[in-house]
PDB file of N, CA and C in Angstrom:
ATOM      1  N   MET A   1     -47.753 -20.601 -41.215  1.00  0.00           N
ATOM      2  CA  MET A   1     -46.776 -21.657 -41.116  1.00  0.00           C
ATOM      3  C   MET A   1     -47.360 -22.761 -40.235  1.00  0.00           C
ATOM      4  N   ARG A   2     -47.342 -23.953 -40.755  1.00  0.00           N
ATOM      5  CA  ARG A   2     -47.896 -25.079 -40.015  1.00  0.00           C
ATOM      6  C   ARG A   2     -46.815 -25.850 -39.253  1.00  0.00           C
ATOM      7  N   HIS A   3     -45.661 -26.028 -39.891  1.00  0.00           N
ATOM      8  CA  HIS A   3     -44.576 -26.790 -39.274  1.00  0.00           C
ATOM      9  C   HIS A   3     -43.265 -26.039 -39.454  1.00  0.00           C
ATOM     10  N   GLN A   4     -42.347 -26.265 -38.547  1.00  0.00           N
ATOM     11  CA  GLN A   4     -40.989 -25.766 -38.702  1.00  0.00           C
ATOM     12  C   GLN A   4     -40.066 -26.963 -38.531  1.00  0.00           C
ATOM     13  N   VAL A   5     -39.324 -27.278 -39.588  1.00  0.00           N
ATOM     14  CA  VAL A   5     -38.428 -28.431 -39.588  1.00  0.00           C
ATOM     15  C   VAL A   5     -37.028 -27.931 -39.879  1.00  0.00           C
ATOM     16  N   ASP A   6     -36.080 -28.325 -39.052  1.00  0.00           N
ATOM     17  CA  ASP A   6     -34.707 -27.856 -39.212  1.00  0.00           C
ATOM     18  C   ASP A   6     -33.830 -28.790 -40.045  1.00  0.00           C
ATOM     19  N   GLU A   7     -34.299 -29.964 -40.345  1.00  0.00           N
ATOM     20  CA  GLU A   7     -33.499 -30.926 -41.102  1.00  0.00           C
ATOM     21  C   GLU A   7     -34.017 -30.981 -42.538  1.00  0.00           C
ATOM     22  N   PHE A   8     -33.170 -30.568 -43.484  1.00  0.00           N
ATOM     23  CA  PHE A   8     -33.602 -30.479 -44.875  1.00  0.00           C
ATOM     24  C   PHE A   8     -34.094 -31.799 -45.439  1.00  0.00           C
ATOM     25  N   THR A   9     -33.533 -32.909 -45.007  1.00  0.00           N
ATOM     26  CA  THR A   9     -33.962 -34.196 -45.546  1.00  0.00           C
ATOM     27  C   THR A   9     -35.346 -34.596 -45.057  1.00  0.00           C
ATOM     28  N   THR A  10     -35.821 -34.002 -43.980  1.00  0.00           N
ATOM     29  CA  THR A  10     -37.153 -34.302 -43.451  1.00  0.00           C
ATOM     30  C   THR A  10     -38.237 -33.484 -44.150  1.00  0.00           C
ATOM     31  N   VAL A  11     -37.887 -32.322 -44.637  1.00  0.00           N
ATOM     32  CA  VAL A  11     -38.866 -31.413 -45.243  1.00  0.00           C
ATOM     33  C   VAL A  11     -39.641 -32.078 -46.384  1.00  0.00           C
ATOM     34  N   PRO A  12     -38.993 -32.746 -47.346  1.00  0.00           N
ATOM     35  CA  PRO A  12     -39.777 -33.372 -48.426  1.00  0.00           C
ATOM     36  C   PRO A  12     -40.756 -34.429 -47.930  1.00  0.00           C
ATOM     37  N   ALA A  13     -40.453 -35.087 -46.821  1.00  0.00           N
ATOM     38  CA  ALA A  13     -41.390 -36.072 -46.259  1.00  0.00           C
ATOM     39  C   ALA A  13     -42.667 -35.377 -45.798  1.00  0.00           C
ATOM     40  N   PHE A  14     -42.539 -34.212 -45.206  1.00  0.00           N
ATOM     41  CA  PHE A  14     -43.731 -33.446 -44.806  1.00  0.00           C
ATOM     42  C   PHE A  14     -44.523 -33.021 -46.039  1.00  0.00           C
ATOM     43  N   VAL A  15     -43.819 -32.596 -47.077  1.00  0.00           N
ATOM     44  CA  VAL A  15     -44.495 -32.200 -48.319  1.00  0.00           C
ATOM     45  C   VAL A  15     -45.219 -33.403 -48.914  1.00  0.00           C
ATOM     46  N   ALA A  16     -44.545 -34.554 -48.966  1.00  0.00           N
ATOM     47  CA  ALA A  16     -45.164 -35.766 -49.517  1.00  0.00           C
ATOM     48  C   ALA A  16     -46.399 -36.177 -48.726  1.00  0.00           C
ATOM     49  N   ALA A  17     -46.410 -35.878 -47.428  1.00  0.00           N
ATOM     50  CA  ALA A  17     -47.554 -36.228 -46.575  1.00  0.00           C
ATOM     51  C   ALA A  17     -48.678 -35.203 -46.676  1.00  0.00           C
ATOM     52  N   GLY A  18     -48.527 -34.227 -47.574  1.00  0.00           N
ATOM     53  CA  GLY A  18     -49.584 -33.236 -47.765  1.00  0.00           C
ATOM     54  C   GLY A  18     -49.581 -32.123 -46.739  1.00  0.00           C
ATOM     55  N   GLN A  19     -48.463 -31.900 -46.099  1.00  0.00           N
ATOM     56  CA  GLN A  19     -48.375 -30.889 -45.046  1.00  0.00           C
ATOM     57  C   GLN A  19     -47.868 -29.539 -45.532  1.00  0.00           C
ATOM     58  N   GLY A  20     -47.959 -29.267 -46.827  1.00  0.00           N
ATOM     59  CA  GLY A  20     -47.609 -27.954 -47.341  1.00  0.00           C
ATOM     60  C   GLY A  20     -46.552 -27.995 -48.418  1.00  0.00           C
ATOM     61  N   VAL A  21     -45.980 -26.828 -48.646  1.00  0.00           N
ATOM     62  CA  VAL A  21     -44.896 -26.662 -49.614  1.00  0.00           C
ATOM     63  C   VAL A  21     -43.690 -26.143 -48.852  1.00  0.00           C
ATOM     64  N   ALA A  22     -42.517 -26.183 -49.473  1.00  0.00           N
ATOM     65  CA  ALA A  22     -41.308 -25.753 -48.779  1.00  0.00           C
ATOM     66  C   ALA A  22     -40.298 -25.182 -49.758  1.00  0.00           C
ATOM     67  N   VAL A  23     -39.457 -24.338 -49.255  1.00  0.00           N
ATOM     68  CA  VAL A  23     -38.302 -23.838 -49.996  1.00  0.00           C
ATOM     69  C   VAL A  23     -37.089 -24.458 -49.327  1.00  0.00           C
ATOM     70  N   VAL A  24     -36.320 -25.231 -50.084  1.00  0.00           N
ATOM     71  CA  VAL A  24     -35.140 -25.909 -49.553  1.00  0.00           C
ATOM     72  C   VAL A  24     -33.957 -25.641 -50.478  1.00  0.00           C
ATOM     73  N   PRO A  25     -32.752 -25.633 -49.934  1.00  0.00           N
ATOM     74  CA  PRO A  25     -31.586 -25.449 -50.798  1.00  0.00           C
ATOM     75  C   PRO A  25     -31.370 -26.685 -51.670  1.00  0.00           C
ATOM     76  N   GLN A  26     -30.785 -26.481 -52.825  1.00  0.00           N
ATOM     77  CA  GLN A  26     -30.530 -27.587 -53.747  1.00  0.00           C
ATOM     78  C   GLN A  26     -29.730 -28.695 -53.070  1.00  0.00           C
ATOM     79  N   SER A  27     -28.811 -28.316 -52.215  1.00  0.00           N
ATOM     80  CA  SER A  27     -27.985 -29.316 -51.533  1.00  0.00           C
ATOM     81  C   SER A  27     -28.772 -30.100 -50.486  1.00  0.00           C
ATOM     82  N   GLY A  28     -29.969 -29.634 -50.124  1.00  0.00           N
ATOM     83  CA  GLY A  28     -30.751 -30.287 -49.086  1.00  0.00           C
ATOM     84  C   GLY A  28     -31.586 -31.454 -49.550  1.00  0.00           C
ATOM     85  N   VAL A  29     -31.849 -31.538 -50.855  1.00  0.00           N
ATOM     86  CA  VAL A  29     -32.710 -32.603 -51.373  1.00  0.00           C
ATOM     87  C   VAL A  29     -32.113 -33.131 -52.669  1.00  0.00           C
ATOM     88  N   SER A  30     -31.610 -34.348 -52.625  1.00  0.00           N
ATOM     89  CA  SER A  30     -31.039 -34.918 -53.844  1.00  0.00           C
ATOM     90  C   SER A  30     -32.003 -35.881 -54.525  1.00  0.00           C
ATOM     91  N   ASP A  31     -32.812 -36.563 -53.745  1.00  0.00           N
ATOM     92  CA  ASP A  31     -33.748 -37.545 -54.288  1.00  0.00           C
ATOM     93  C   ASP A  31     -35.084 -37.418 -53.550  1.00  0.00           C
ATOM     94  N   PRO A  32     -36.000 -36.602 -54.079  1.00  0.00           N
ATOM     95  CA  PRO A  32     -37.268 -36.391 -53.364  1.00  0.00           C
ATOM     96  C   PRO A  32     -38.119 -37.655 -53.331  1.00  0.00           C
ATOM     97  N   PRO A  33     -38.977 -37.773 -52.317  1.00  0.00           N
ATOM     98  CA  PRO A  33     -39.854 -38.942 -52.237  1.00  0.00           C
ATOM     99  C   PRO A  33     -40.905 -38.912 -53.348  1.00  0.00           C
ATOM    100  N   PRO A  34     -41.532 -40.060 -53.632  1.00  0.00           N
ATOM    101  CA  PRO A  34     -42.593 -40.098 -54.647  1.00  0.00           C
ATOM    102  C   PRO A  34     -43.668 -39.062 -54.347  1.00  0.00           C
ATOM    103  N   GLY A  35     -44.117 -38.389 -55.392  1.00  0.00           N
ATOM    104  CA  GLY A  35     -45.169 -37.398 -55.248  1.00  0.00           C
ATOM    105  C   GLY A  35     -44.678 -35.996 -54.961  1.00  0.00           C
ATOM    106  N   VAL A  36     -43.372 -35.823 -54.819  1.00  0.00           N
ATOM    107  CA  VAL A  36     -42.812 -34.494 -54.555  1.00  0.00           C
ATOM    108  C   VAL A  36     -42.057 -34.037 -55.790  1.00  0.00           C
ATOM    109  N   ARG A  37     -42.386 -32.848 -56.237  1.00  0.00           N
ATOM    110  CA  ARG A  37     -41.733 -32.276 -57.417  1.00  0.00           C
ATOM    111  C   ARG A  37     -40.859 -31.116 -56.978  1.00  0.00           C
ATOM    112  N   LEU A  38     -39.608 -31.110 -57.430  1.00  0.00           N
ATOM    113  CA  LEU A  38     -38.696 -30.007 -57.144  1.00  0.00           C
ATOM    114  C   LEU A  38     -38.694 -29.052 -58.329  1.00  0.00           C
ATOM    115  N   THR A  39     -38.832 -27.772 -58.050  1.00  0.00           N
ATOM    116  CA  THR A  39     -38.821 -26.743 -59.076  1.00  0.00           C
ATOM    117  C   THR A  39     -37.733 -25.737 -58.736  1.00  0.00           C
ATOM    118  N   ALA A  40     -36.810 -25.515 -59.651  1.00  0.00           N
ATOM    119  CA  ALA A  40     -35.727 -24.562 -59.426  1.00  0.00           C
ATOM    120  C   ALA A  40     -36.283 -23.141 -59.388  1.00  0.00           C
ATOM    121  N   LEU A  41     -35.784 -22.350 -58.473  1.00  0.00           N
ATOM    122  CA  LEU A  41     -36.170 -20.949 -58.359  1.00  0.00           C
ATOM    123  C   LEU A  41     -34.969 -20.067 -58.716  1.00  0.00           C
ATOM    124  N   PRO A  42     -35.222 -18.915 -59.300  1.00  0.00           N
ATOM    125  CA  PRO A  42     -34.116 -18.029 -59.669  1.00  0.00           C
ATOM    126  C   PRO A  42     -33.612 -17.226 -58.463  1.00  0.00           C
ATOM    127  N   LEU A  43     -33.130 -17.930 -57.451  1.00  0.00           N
ATOM    128  CA  LEU A  43     -32.651 -17.281 -56.238  1.00  0.00           C
ATOM    129  C   LEU A  43     -31.165 -17.531 -56.061  1.00  0.00           C
ATOM    130  N   ILE A  44     -30.502 -16.596 -55.432  1.00  0.00           N
ATOM    131  CA  ILE A  44     -29.095 -16.766 -55.080  1.00  0.00           C
ATOM    132  C   ILE A  44     -29.004 -16.722 -53.573  1.00  0.00           C
ATOM    133  N   ARG A  45     -28.380 -17.714 -53.001  1.00  0.00           N
ATOM    134  CA  ARG A  45     -28.218 -17.771 -51.550  1.00  0.00           C
ATOM    135  C   ARG A  45     -26.930 -17.059 -51.159  1.00  0.00           C
ATOM    136  N   ARG A  46     -27.033 -16.207 -50.191  1.00  0.00           N
ATOM    137  CA  ARG A  46     -25.865 -15.490 -49.691  1.00  0.00           C
ATOM    138  C   ARG A  46     -25.363 -16.200 -48.439  1.00  0.00           C
ATOM    139  N   THR A  47     -24.102 -16.530 -48.444  1.00  0.00           N
ATOM    140  CA  THR A  47     -23.499 -17.256 -47.334  1.00  0.00           C
ATOM    141  C   THR A  47     -22.319 -16.466 -46.805  1.00  0.00           C
ATOM    142  N   ARG A  48     -22.146 -16.472 -45.516  1.00  0.00           N
ATOM    143  CA  ARG A  48     -21.038 -15.752 -44.877  1.00  0.00           C
ATOM    144  C   ARG A  48     -20.218 -16.723 -44.044  1.00  0.00           C
ATOM    145  N   VAL A  49     -18.951 -16.386 -43.861  1.00  0.00           N
ATOM    146  CA  VAL A  49     -18.073 -17.130 -42.965  1.00  0.00           C
ATOM    147  C   VAL A  49     -17.921 -16.277 -41.715  1.00  0.00           C
ATOM    148  N   ALA A  50     -18.193 -16.847 -40.560  1.00  0.00           N
ATOM    149  CA  ALA A  50     -18.095 -16.107 -39.300  1.00  0.00           C
ATOM    150  C   ALA A  50     -16.871 -16.576 -38.524  1.00  0.00           C
ATOM    151  N   PHE A  51     -16.111 -15.608 -38.026  1.00  0.00           N
ATOM    152  CA  PHE A  51     -14.957 -15.904 -37.180  1.00  0.00           C
ATOM    153  C   PHE A  51     -14.701 -14.707 -36.278  1.00  0.00           C
ATOM    154  N   ARG A  52     -13.942 -14.905 -35.209  1.00  0.00           N
ATOM    155  CA  ARG A  52     -13.664 -13.839 -34.259  1.00  0.00           C
ATOM    156  C   ARG A  52     -12.828 -12.738 -34.898  1.00  0.00           C
ATOM    157  N   ASN A  53     -13.014 -11.509 -34.415  1.00  0.00           N
ATOM    158  CA  ASN A  53     -12.202 -10.385 -34.877  1.00  0.00           C
ATOM    159  C   ASN A  53     -10.730 -10.723 -34.751  1.00  0.00           C
ATOM    160  N   GLY A  54      -9.981 -10.433 -35.795  1.00  0.00           N
ATOM    161  CA  GLY A  54      -8.552 -10.661 -35.784  1.00  0.00           C
ATOM    162  C   GLY A  54      -8.127 -12.062 -36.168  1.00  0.00           C
ATOM    163  N   ALA A  55      -9.075 -13.008 -36.293  1.00  0.00           N
ATOM    164  CA  ALA A  55      -8.726 -14.395 -36.596  1.00  0.00           C
ATOM    165  C   ALA A  55      -8.661 -14.681 -38.095  1.00  0.00           C
ATOM    166  N   GLY A  56      -9.043 -13.734 -38.922  1.00  0.00           N
ATOM    167  CA  GLY A  56      -9.056 -13.932 -40.378  1.00  0.00           C
ATOM    168  C   GLY A  56      -7.739 -14.410 -40.969  1.00  0.00           C
ATOM    169  N   PRO A  57      -6.599 -13.911 -40.490  1.00  0.00           N
ATOM    170  CA  PRO A  57      -5.325 -14.357 -41.056  1.00  0.00           C
ATOM    171  C   PRO A  57      -4.913 -15.781 -40.656  1.00  0.00           C
ATOM    172  N   HIS A  58      -5.599 -16.394 -39.696  1.00  0.00           N
ATOM    173  CA  HIS A  58      -5.232 -17.752 -39.280  1.00  0.00           C
ATOM    174  C   HIS A  58      -5.239 -18.660 -40.511  1.00  0.00           C
ATOM    175  N   PRO A  59      -4.222 -19.509 -40.689  1.00  0.00           N
ATOM    176  CA  PRO A  59      -4.127 -20.338 -41.893  1.00  0.00           C
ATOM    177  C   PRO A  59      -5.373 -21.177 -42.188  1.00  0.00           C
ATOM    178  N   ALA A  60      -5.994 -21.753 -41.194  1.00  0.00           N
ATOM    179  CA  ALA A  60      -7.183 -22.583 -41.433  1.00  0.00           C
ATOM    180  C   ALA A  60      -8.352 -21.743 -41.920  1.00  0.00           C
ATOM    181  N   ILE A  61      -8.554 -20.577 -41.314  1.00  0.00           N
ATOM    182  CA  ILE A  61      -9.657 -19.702 -41.720  1.00  0.00           C
ATOM    183  C   ILE A  61      -9.406 -19.139 -43.110  1.00  0.00           C
ATOM    184  N   ALA A  62      -8.164 -18.700 -43.359  1.00  0.00           N
ATOM    185  CA  ALA A  62      -7.821 -18.168 -44.677  1.00  0.00           C
ATOM    186  C   ALA A  62      -7.997 -19.235 -45.758  1.00  0.00           C
ATOM    187  N   ALA A  63      -7.596 -20.481 -45.468  1.00  0.00           N
ATOM    188  CA  ALA A  63      -7.726 -21.566 -46.444  1.00  0.00           C
ATOM    189  C   ALA A  63      -9.187 -21.890 -46.729  1.00  0.00           C
ATOM    190  N   LEU A  64     -10.010 -21.939 -45.679  1.00  0.00           N
ATOM    191  CA  LEU A  64     -11.435 -22.216 -45.869  1.00  0.00           C
ATOM    192  C   LEU A  64     -12.086 -21.115 -46.693  1.00  0.00           C
ATOM    193  N   THR A  65     -11.831 -19.873 -46.333  1.00  0.00           N
ATOM    194  CA  THR A  65     -12.422 -18.741 -47.051  1.00  0.00           C
ATOM    195  C   THR A  65     -12.004 -18.759 -48.524  1.00  0.00           C
ATOM    196  N   ARG A  66     -10.723 -19.001 -48.779  1.00  0.00           N
ATOM    197  CA  ARG A  66     -10.219 -19.051 -50.158  1.00  0.00           C
ATOM    198  C   ARG A  66     -10.874 -20.198 -50.929  1.00  0.00           C
ATOM    199  N   ALA A  67     -10.976 -21.374 -50.322  1.00  0.00           N
ATOM    200  CA  ALA A  67     -11.591 -22.529 -50.994  1.00  0.00           C
ATOM    201  C   ALA A  67     -13.053 -22.262 -51.327  1.00  0.00           C
ATOM    202  N   LEU A  68     -13.769 -21.641 -50.403  1.00  0.00           N
ATOM    203  CA  LEU A  68     -15.178 -21.324 -50.671  1.00  0.00           C
ATOM    204  C   LEU A  68     -15.313 -20.337 -51.813  1.00  0.00           C
ATOM    205  N   ARG A  69     -14.497 -19.300 -51.806  1.00  0.00           N
ATOM    206  CA  ARG A  69     -14.558 -18.306 -52.900  1.00  0.00           C
ATOM    207  C   ARG A  69     -14.222 -18.934 -54.242  1.00  0.00           C
ATOM    208  N   GLU A  70     -13.234 -19.831 -54.257  1.00  0.00           N
ATOM    209  CA  GLU A  70     -12.832 -20.470 -55.511  1.00  0.00           C
ATOM    210  C   GLU A  70     -13.878 -21.456 -56.019  1.00  0.00           C
ATOM    211  N   SER A  71     -14.757 -21.933 -55.145  1.00  0.00           N
ATOM    212  CA  SER A  71     -15.776 -22.896 -55.557  1.00  0.00           C
ATOM    213  C   SER A  71     -16.997 -22.234 -56.177  1.00  0.00           C
ATOM    214  N   VAL A  72     -17.105 -20.907 -56.074  1.00  0.00           N
ATOM    215  CA  VAL A  72     -18.257 -20.183 -56.608  1.00  0.00           C
ATOM    216  C   VAL A  72     -18.070 -19.990 -58.108  1.00  0.00           C
ATOM    217  N   PRO A  73     -19.074 -20.355 -58.924  1.00  0.00           N
ATOM    218  CA  PRO A  73     -18.961 -20.146 -60.369  1.00  0.00           C
ATOM    219  C   PRO A  73     -18.709 -18.676 -60.698  1.00  0.00           C
ATOM    220  N   GLU A  74     -17.982 -18.432 -61.752  1.00  0.00           N
ATOM    221  CA  GLU A  74     -17.656 -17.073 -62.187  1.00  0.00           C
ATOM    222  C   GLU A  74     -18.925 -16.239 -62.343  1.00  0.00           C
ATOM    223  N   GLY A  75     -18.907 -15.046 -61.787  1.00  0.00           N
ATOM    224  CA  GLY A  75     -20.044 -14.132 -61.902  1.00  0.00           C
ATOM    225  C   GLY A  75     -21.032 -14.211 -60.757  1.00  0.00           C
ATOM    226  N   LEU A  76     -20.905 -15.200 -59.894  1.00  0.00           N
ATOM    227  CA  LEU A  76     -21.803 -15.313 -58.754  1.00  0.00           C
ATOM    228  C   LEU A  76     -21.050 -14.987 -57.467  1.00  0.00           C
ATOM    229  N   GLY A  77     -21.748 -14.443 -56.503  1.00  0.00           N
ATOM    230  CA  GLY A  77     -21.172 -14.243 -55.181  1.00  0.00           C
ATOM    231  C   GLY A  77     -20.050 -13.240 -55.103  1.00  0.00           C
ATOM    232  N   ARG A  78     -20.023 -12.308 -56.019  1.00  0.00           N
ATOM    233  CA  ARG A  78     -18.935 -11.339 -56.018  1.00  0.00           C
ATOM    234  C   ARG A  78     -19.427  -9.929 -55.697  1.00  0.00           C
ATOM    235  N   GLY A  79     -20.535  -9.838 -55.000  1.00  0.00           N
ATOM    236  CA  GLY A  79     -21.120  -8.540 -54.679  1.00  0.00           C
ATOM    237  C   GLY A  79     -20.604  -7.973 -53.384  1.00  0.00           C
ATOM    238  N   PRO A  80     -21.286  -6.929 -52.861  1.00  0.00           N
ATOM    239  CA  PRO A  80     -20.880  -6.309 -51.608  1.00  0.00           C
ATOM    240  C   PRO A  80     -20.810  -7.337 -50.483  1.00  0.00           C
ATOM    241  N   GLY A  81     -19.779  -7.254 -49.677  1.00  0.00           N
ATOM    242  CA  GLY A  81     -19.637  -8.138 -48.551  1.00  0.00           C
ATOM    243  C   GLY A  81     -18.948  -9.444 -48.875  1.00  0.00           C
ATOM    244  N   SER A  82     -18.655  -9.680 -50.163  1.00  0.00           N
ATOM    245  CA  SER A  82     -18.001 -10.928 -50.516  1.00  0.00           C
ATOM    246  C   SER A  82     -16.500 -10.865 -50.287  1.00  0.00           C
ATOM    247  N   GLY A  83     -15.996  -9.646 -50.107  1.00  0.00           N
ATOM    248  CA  GLY A  83     -14.569  -9.490 -49.885  1.00  0.00           C
ATOM    249  C   GLY A  83     -13.782  -9.461 -51.178  1.00  0.00           C
ATOM    250  N   THR A  84     -14.464  -9.590 -52.313  1.00  0.00           N
ATOM    251  CA  THR A  84     -13.748  -9.585 -53.589  1.00  0.00           C
ATOM    252  C   THR A  84     -14.283  -8.526 -54.537  1.00  0.00           C
ATOM    253  N   GLY A  85     -15.197  -7.715 -54.101  1.00  0.00           N
ATOM    254  CA  GLY A  85     -15.683  -6.720 -55.046  1.00  0.00           C
ATOM    255  C   GLY A  85     -16.795  -6.010 -54.468  1.00  0.00           C
TER     256      GLY A  85
END
């Protein structure tokens, strides 16, 4: 590893400057700089919602969790730990 960059929008600039290759989430790069090619990978990102024990029933947390689950396309994200299957 040559560089560690925490800002997804900066990563393609390093790639364009010849500083390596990178794996970035689709949401992290919408318009790559000239000379950078994005290639889709057959990966599924697992995301979790973190909250304090006992806080799950709070209306804001319940609403966020429900909205996130409803935004997932059918057939994705329904495995162990998803809370739905």
